N, C-alpha and C. Protein backbone atom coordinates (compact mmCIF):
# COMPACT_ATOMS: atom_id res chain seq x y z
N MET A 1 92.58 259.59 5.64
CA MET A 1 92.23 258.32 5.18
C MET A 1 93.58 257.71 4.63
N SER A 2 94.01 258.57 3.70
CA SER A 2 95.50 258.33 3.08
C SER A 2 96.10 258.70 3.98
N LYS A 3 96.44 259.58 5.12
CA LYS A 3 97.58 259.73 6.21
C LYS A 3 97.66 258.27 6.33
N LEU A 4 96.51 257.56 6.87
CA LEU A 4 96.80 256.90 7.70
C LEU A 4 97.25 255.10 7.17
N PHE A 5 96.89 255.26 5.80
CA PHE A 5 97.52 254.51 4.67
C PHE A 5 98.95 254.21 4.99
N ALA A 6 99.24 255.58 4.40
CA ALA A 6 100.73 255.96 4.53
C ALA A 6 101.30 255.28 5.99
N LEU A 7 100.74 256.23 7.11
CA LEU A 7 101.45 255.09 8.22
C LEU A 7 101.70 253.74 8.87
N LEU A 8 100.51 252.91 8.12
CA LEU A 8 99.92 252.19 8.24
C LEU A 8 101.05 251.23 7.08
N ALA A 9 101.35 251.57 6.23
CA ALA A 9 102.47 250.88 5.05
C ALA A 9 104.00 251.71 5.31
N LEU A 10 104.42 252.78 5.96
CA LEU A 10 105.07 253.01 7.09
C LEU A 10 106.03 251.62 7.73
N ALA A 11 104.88 252.22 8.66
CA ALA A 11 105.26 250.77 9.54
C ALA A 11 105.45 249.52 9.04
N LEU A 12 104.62 249.48 8.13
CA LEU A 12 104.66 247.68 7.84
C LEU A 12 106.67 247.32 7.29
N TRP A 13 106.42 248.64 6.72
CA TRP A 13 107.90 248.29 5.95
C TRP A 13 108.74 248.63 6.62
N PHE A 14 108.74 249.65 8.03
CA PHE A 14 109.79 249.32 9.43
C PHE A 14 109.97 248.10 9.69
N ASN A 15 108.89 247.45 10.22
CA ASN A 15 108.36 246.31 10.44
C ASN A 15 109.53 245.20 9.36
N ALA A 16 109.59 245.31 8.92
CA ALA A 16 110.01 244.15 7.90
C ALA A 16 111.19 244.58 7.65
N ALA A 17 111.96 245.65 7.24
CA ALA A 17 113.01 245.43 6.92
C ALA A 17 114.08 245.61 9.16
N GLN A 18 113.40 246.17 10.09
CA GLN A 18 113.63 244.76 10.93
C GLN A 18 113.74 243.86 10.86
N ALA A 19 112.80 242.69 10.58
CA ALA A 19 112.51 241.80 10.86
C ALA A 19 113.63 241.13 9.50
N GLN A 20 114.83 241.13 9.89
CA GLN A 20 115.91 239.86 8.57
C GLN A 20 116.56 238.73 9.49
N GLU A 21 115.10 238.57 9.25
CA GLU A 21 115.51 237.08 10.47
C GLU A 21 115.93 236.29 9.06
N THR A 22 115.71 234.82 9.87
CA THR A 22 115.96 234.01 8.54
C THR A 22 114.56 233.04 8.74
N THR A 23 113.88 233.29 7.15
CA THR A 23 112.84 232.50 7.05
C THR A 23 112.51 231.13 7.46
N CYS A 24 111.22 230.27 7.86
CA CYS A 24 111.16 229.10 7.60
C CYS A 24 111.58 227.82 6.79
N THR A 25 111.34 228.48 5.22
CA THR A 25 111.99 227.95 4.52
C THR A 25 113.41 227.91 4.07
N ALA A 26 113.86 229.25 4.52
CA ALA A 26 115.56 229.14 3.91
C ALA A 26 116.07 228.31 5.25
N ALA A 27 115.94 227.93 6.40
CA ALA A 27 115.96 227.16 7.97
C ALA A 27 115.94 226.21 7.36
N ALA A 28 114.40 225.35 6.85
CA ALA A 28 114.49 224.80 6.52
C ALA A 28 115.87 223.47 5.43
N THR A 29 115.90 224.74 4.34
CA THR A 29 116.77 224.42 3.28
C THR A 29 118.10 224.26 4.15
N GLU A 30 118.13 225.40 5.03
CA GLU A 30 119.77 225.70 5.12
C GLU A 30 120.17 223.71 6.17
N LYS A 31 119.51 223.11 6.68
CA LYS A 31 118.86 222.20 7.89
C LYS A 31 118.79 221.31 7.06
N LYS A 32 119.08 221.05 5.57
CA LYS A 32 118.70 219.84 5.06
C LYS A 32 117.47 219.33 4.36
N LEU A 33 116.46 219.89 5.31
CA LEU A 33 115.14 218.95 5.46
C LEU A 33 114.49 218.76 4.38
N ALA A 34 114.01 217.59 4.14
CA ALA A 34 112.83 216.76 2.96
C ALA A 34 112.29 216.17 3.24
N GLY A 35 111.40 216.06 2.23
CA GLY A 35 109.82 214.82 3.32
C GLY A 35 108.89 215.62 4.37
N ALA A 36 108.92 214.59 5.18
CA ALA A 36 107.46 214.40 6.35
C ALA A 36 108.81 215.30 7.26
N ALA A 37 110.02 215.05 7.23
CA ALA A 37 110.89 216.20 8.43
C ALA A 37 110.35 217.47 8.41
N LYS A 38 110.55 217.91 6.69
CA LYS A 38 110.88 219.35 6.49
C LYS A 38 109.04 220.09 6.35
N ASN A 39 108.40 219.09 5.92
CA ASN A 39 106.83 219.20 5.87
C ASN A 39 106.20 219.96 7.54
N SER A 40 106.78 219.00 8.51
CA SER A 40 106.26 218.67 10.01
C SER A 40 107.49 220.45 10.41
N PHE A 41 108.71 220.63 10.04
CA PHE A 41 109.92 221.69 10.95
C PHE A 41 109.23 222.64 10.24
N LEU A 42 107.96 223.38 8.71
CA LEU A 42 107.37 224.00 8.09
C LEU A 42 106.41 224.49 8.65
N LYS A 43 105.28 223.29 9.12
CA LYS A 43 103.90 223.71 9.93
C LYS A 43 104.69 223.92 11.22
N LYS A 44 104.99 224.11 11.90
CA LYS A 44 105.68 224.15 13.27
C LYS A 44 106.38 225.20 12.87
N CYS A 45 106.98 225.26 12.46
CA CYS A 45 107.25 227.29 11.94
C CYS A 45 106.05 227.90 11.93
N GLU A 46 105.54 227.83 10.84
CA GLU A 46 104.54 228.14 10.86
C GLU A 46 103.53 228.76 11.67
N LYS A 47 103.21 227.98 12.69
CA LYS A 47 102.13 228.28 14.05
C LYS A 47 102.92 228.36 14.96
N ASP A 48 104.33 228.55 15.11
CA ASP A 48 104.85 228.93 15.77
C ASP A 48 105.37 230.88 15.41
N ALA A 49 104.94 231.40 13.59
CA ALA A 49 104.60 232.88 14.02
C ALA A 49 103.75 233.05 13.02
N THR A 50 102.77 232.38 13.20
CA THR A 50 101.30 233.37 13.08
C THR A 50 100.58 233.49 14.99
N ALA A 51 101.61 232.73 15.95
CA ALA A 51 101.76 233.11 17.14
C ALA A 51 102.17 234.46 17.83
N LYS A 52 103.34 234.55 17.17
CA LYS A 52 103.85 235.99 17.40
C LYS A 52 103.60 237.48 16.70
N CYS A 53 103.10 236.43 14.73
CA CYS A 53 102.25 237.85 14.63
C CYS A 53 101.39 238.21 15.84
N GLU A 54 100.49 237.60 15.84
CA GLU A 54 99.49 237.97 16.44
C GLU A 54 99.23 238.44 17.36
N ALA A 55 101.01 238.19 17.93
CA ALA A 55 100.71 238.75 19.85
C ALA A 55 101.34 240.24 18.99
N ALA A 56 102.52 240.35 18.25
CA ALA A 56 102.69 241.70 18.30
C ALA A 56 101.57 242.54 17.65
N ALA A 57 100.70 242.19 16.71
CA ALA A 57 99.23 242.68 16.46
C ALA A 57 98.28 243.64 17.07
N THR A 58 98.80 243.02 18.54
CA THR A 58 97.71 242.86 19.72
C THR A 58 98.28 244.24 20.18
N GLU A 59 99.47 244.10 20.41
CA GLU A 59 100.43 245.18 21.26
C GLU A 59 100.11 246.37 20.45
N ARG A 60 99.88 246.20 19.35
CA ARG A 60 100.12 247.40 18.54
C ARG A 60 98.97 248.13 18.19
N LYS A 61 98.01 246.93 19.23
CA LYS A 61 96.57 247.77 19.34
C LYS A 61 95.76 247.99 17.89
N LEU A 62 96.22 247.13 16.49
CA LEU A 62 95.64 246.39 15.96
C LEU A 62 94.14 246.06 15.34
N ALA A 63 93.72 246.98 14.60
CA ALA A 63 92.05 245.81 14.75
C ALA A 63 91.41 245.86 13.55
N GLY A 64 90.62 245.21 13.01
CA GLY A 64 90.12 245.11 12.01
C GLY A 64 90.51 244.63 10.62
N ALA A 65 90.61 244.79 9.81
CA ALA A 65 91.32 244.75 8.22
C ALA A 65 93.13 245.37 8.31
N ALA A 66 92.81 245.62 9.12
CA ALA A 66 94.46 246.28 9.49
C ALA A 66 95.38 245.45 10.27
N LYS A 67 94.69 244.91 11.56
CA LYS A 67 95.17 243.72 11.63
C LYS A 67 95.08 242.66 11.50
N ASN A 68 93.60 241.64 10.66
CA ASN A 68 94.39 240.81 8.98
C ASN A 68 95.44 241.11 8.56
N SER A 69 95.33 242.16 7.97
CA SER A 69 96.63 242.70 6.36
C SER A 69 98.31 242.24 7.14
N ASN A 70 98.56 243.14 8.42
CA ASN A 70 99.27 243.05 9.04
C ASN A 70 99.91 240.83 9.48
N VAL A 71 98.57 241.22 10.12
CA VAL A 71 99.50 239.38 10.10
C VAL A 71 99.39 238.83 9.01
N LYS A 72 99.08 238.37 8.05
CA LYS A 72 98.98 237.82 6.75
C LYS A 72 100.41 238.46 6.46
N LYS A 73 100.77 239.54 6.21
CA LYS A 73 101.96 239.85 5.71
C LYS A 73 102.97 239.29 6.41
N CYS A 74 103.12 239.59 8.33
CA CYS A 74 103.71 239.27 9.11
C CYS A 74 103.85 237.28 8.41
N ILE A 75 103.53 236.25 9.12
CA ILE A 75 103.17 235.25 8.17
C ILE A 75 104.02 234.87 6.99
N LYS A 76 104.20 235.72 6.30
CA LYS A 76 104.57 236.04 4.94
C LYS A 76 105.46 235.85 4.82
N ASP A 77 106.25 236.90 5.78
CA ASP A 77 107.32 236.61 5.47
C ASP A 77 108.11 236.26 6.54
N ALA A 78 107.44 235.63 7.47
CA ALA A 78 108.74 235.04 8.61
C ALA A 78 108.61 233.29 7.89
N VAL A 79 107.34 232.70 6.82
CA VAL A 79 107.83 231.13 5.83
C VAL A 79 108.68 231.74 4.86
N GLY A 80 108.25 232.78 4.87
CA GLY A 80 109.14 232.68 3.02
C GLY A 80 108.61 231.62 1.92
N GLU A 81 109.36 232.47 1.20
CA GLU A 81 108.48 231.38 -0.30
C GLU A 81 108.39 230.07 -0.37
N THR A 82 107.71 229.57 -0.84
CA THR A 82 108.07 227.99 -0.58
C THR A 82 108.03 227.69 -2.00
N PRO A 83 109.30 226.83 -2.27
CA PRO A 83 110.60 226.36 -3.77
C PRO A 83 109.35 225.86 -4.47
């Protein structure tokens, strides 16, 4: 069982290392968005990230807690930290 968790952790780390894309928060800052425009942009970006992460988890045939954990981390990585 510990080998499974180690492989899952390695896969998540490798996936995160490959996905060095700009986060939603960084993109909003780069575009100098503020107020309602920023909120709208972040909401759409998060929605798009959710769909992308769900599709990636399904493609990888993840299920249950592994899928939920992977999707949650994927969305957090895509959105970035809020200032």
